[in-house]
């Protein structure tokens, strides 16, 4: 079991920036961000391994998003720049065991955050 608390969502204009934060109740190997639009399938956005620091990004955000991890604070960050209207979604933090493809929606994560809203207007 791992509990996750997200923060940093909000509304911004296209081209703006946001930094999402996720604090975990315990250490895990994999930390990831997913997002979902109502009526659409969940999408893996970015992920990071706590050991080694390997990162993963969806093509839709590569070059605009940076995922990082502060192991001492057990907090993961997703810095998003040059935001686009298509980035509008509910963002969920996920954490758990090692996964070969941590952006896969079928990954067996051990915990999920409640979700935070990101709205980007044109």
Protein backbone atom coordinates (compact mmCIF):
# COMPACT_ATOMS: atom_id res chain seq x y z
CA UNK A 1 0.00 0.00 0.00
CA UNK A 2 1.16 3.50 -0.83
CA UNK A 3 -0.77 6.73 -0.41
CA UNK A 4 -0.20 9.61 -2.80
CA UNK A 5 -1.06 13.29 -2.50
CA UNK A 6 -1.05 15.52 -5.57
CA UNK A 7 -0.85 19.30 -5.86
CA UNK A 8 -0.05 22.00 -8.39
CA UNK A 9 -2.98 21.82 -10.78
CA UNK A 10 -4.90 24.80 -12.04
CA UNK A 11 -5.87 26.86 -15.07
CA UNK A 12 -3.36 28.52 -17.37
CA UNK A 13 -3.26 30.03 -20.82
CA UNK A 14 -1.64 28.24 -23.71
CA UNK A 15 2.11 28.69 -23.56
CA UNK A 16 2.12 28.88 -19.78
CA UNK A 17 3.67 26.51 -17.27
CA UNK A 18 2.67 24.39 -14.30
CA UNK A 19 4.51 22.14 -11.89
CA UNK A 20 2.64 19.17 -10.50
CA UNK A 21 3.79 17.54 -7.28
CA UNK A 22 3.10 14.12 -5.81
CA UNK A 23 4.19 13.11 -2.32
CA UNK A 24 4.22 9.42 -1.43
CA UNK A 25 3.74 7.80 1.97
CA UNK A 26 6.61 5.43 1.34
CA UNK A 27 9.35 4.85 -1.18
CA UNK A 28 8.59 2.94 -4.36
CA UNK A 29 10.57 1.97 -7.41
CA UNK A 30 8.36 3.52 -10.07
CA UNK A 31 6.62 6.89 -9.97
CA UNK A 32 4.45 7.98 -12.87
CA UNK A 33 1.91 10.51 -14.09
CA UNK A 34 -1.18 9.58 -16.06
CA UNK A 35 -3.92 11.80 -17.40
CA UNK A 36 -7.48 11.25 -18.49
CA UNK A 37 -10.09 13.24 -20.37
CA UNK A 38 -13.75 12.41 -19.69
CA UNK A 39 -14.91 9.69 -22.06
CA UNK A 40 -11.37 8.91 -23.21
CA UNK A 41 -8.83 6.28 -22.23
CA UNK A 42 -6.16 7.03 -19.68
CA UNK A 43 -2.77 8.04 -21.06
CA UNK A 44 0.65 7.57 -19.54
CA UNK A 45 2.43 10.94 -19.50
CA UNK A 46 5.78 10.49 -17.77
CA UNK A 47 7.50 8.11 -15.37
CA UNK A 48 10.73 7.83 -13.42
CA UNK A 49 12.63 5.08 -11.62
CA UNK A 50 13.75 5.97 -8.10
CA UNK A 51 16.86 3.84 -8.60
CA UNK A 52 19.00 4.96 -11.50
CA UNK A 53 16.72 7.85 -12.47
CA UNK A 54 15.57 6.44 -15.80
CA UNK A 55 12.77 8.58 -17.25
CA UNK A 56 9.99 7.91 -19.73
CA UNK A 57 7.82 10.36 -21.67
CA UNK A 58 4.83 10.17 -23.92
CA UNK A 59 5.44 11.55 -27.39
CA UNK A 60 2.72 14.12 -26.77
CA UNK A 61 4.72 15.86 -24.02
CA UNK A 62 8.33 15.08 -24.90
CA UNK A 63 10.34 18.28 -25.02
CA UNK A 64 7.77 20.17 -22.95
CA UNK A 65 7.67 18.13 -19.75
CA UNK A 66 10.34 17.14 -17.25
CA UNK A 67 9.81 14.58 -14.51
CA UNK A 68 12.03 14.56 -11.45
CA UNK A 69 12.19 12.95 -8.02
CA UNK A 70 13.37 14.19 -4.65
CA UNK A 71 14.04 10.92 -2.84
CA UNK A 72 14.62 12.61 0.51
CA UNK A 73 11.16 14.20 0.40
CA UNK A 74 9.54 11.24 -1.39
CA UNK A 75 8.11 13.78 -3.80
CA UNK A 76 7.84 13.55 -7.57
CA UNK A 77 7.50 16.60 -9.80
CA UNK A 78 6.23 17.10 -13.32
CA UNK A 79 7.30 20.43 -14.78
CA UNK A 80 5.17 21.27 -17.81
CA UNK A 81 6.10 24.14 -20.09
CA UNK A 82 4.56 25.57 -23.23
CA UNK A 83 1.23 24.04 -22.29
CA UNK A 84 -1.31 23.32 -25.00
CA UNK A 85 -5.10 22.99 -24.88
CA UNK A 86 -4.69 19.25 -25.48
CA UNK A 87 -2.90 19.03 -22.13
CA UNK A 88 -6.23 19.71 -20.44
CA UNK A 89 -7.07 16.65 -18.34
CA UNK A 90 -7.24 15.19 -14.88
CA UNK A 91 -3.73 14.15 -13.88
CA UNK A 92 -3.12 11.15 -11.62
CA UNK A 93 -0.01 10.19 -9.73
CA UNK A 94 0.83 6.48 -9.58
CA UNK A 95 3.51 4.54 -7.72
CA UNK A 96 4.65 0.96 -7.33
CA UNK A 97 7.01 -1.81 -8.27
CA UNK A 98 9.40 -1.93 -11.18
CA UNK A 99 7.64 -2.10 -14.52
CA UNK A 100 9.20 -2.67 -17.94
CA UNK A 101 6.82 -0.17 -19.54
CA UNK A 102 5.67 2.19 -16.75
CA UNK A 103 3.52 4.29 -19.10
CA UNK A 104 1.26 1.36 -19.92
CA UNK A 105 -2.23 1.83 -18.54
CA UNK A 106 -2.38 -1.86 -17.57
CA UNK A 107 0.61 -1.62 -15.24
CA UNK A 108 -0.06 -3.04 -11.75
CA UNK A 109 0.62 0.07 -9.69
CA UNK A 110 0.32 -0.18 -5.91
CA UNK A 111 -1.27 3.21 -5.36
CA UNK A 112 -3.00 6.08 -7.14
CA UNK A 113 -3.64 9.68 -6.27
CA UNK A 114 -7.13 11.14 -6.38
CA UNK A 115 -6.35 13.29 -9.38
CA UNK A 116 -5.83 17.01 -9.98
CA UNK A 117 -7.30 19.11 -12.77
CA UNK A 118 -5.24 20.94 -15.37
CA UNK A 119 -7.03 23.33 -17.72
CA UNK A 120 -5.24 25.04 -20.58
CA UNK A 121 -7.11 27.68 -22.54
CA UNK A 122 -6.21 28.90 -26.00
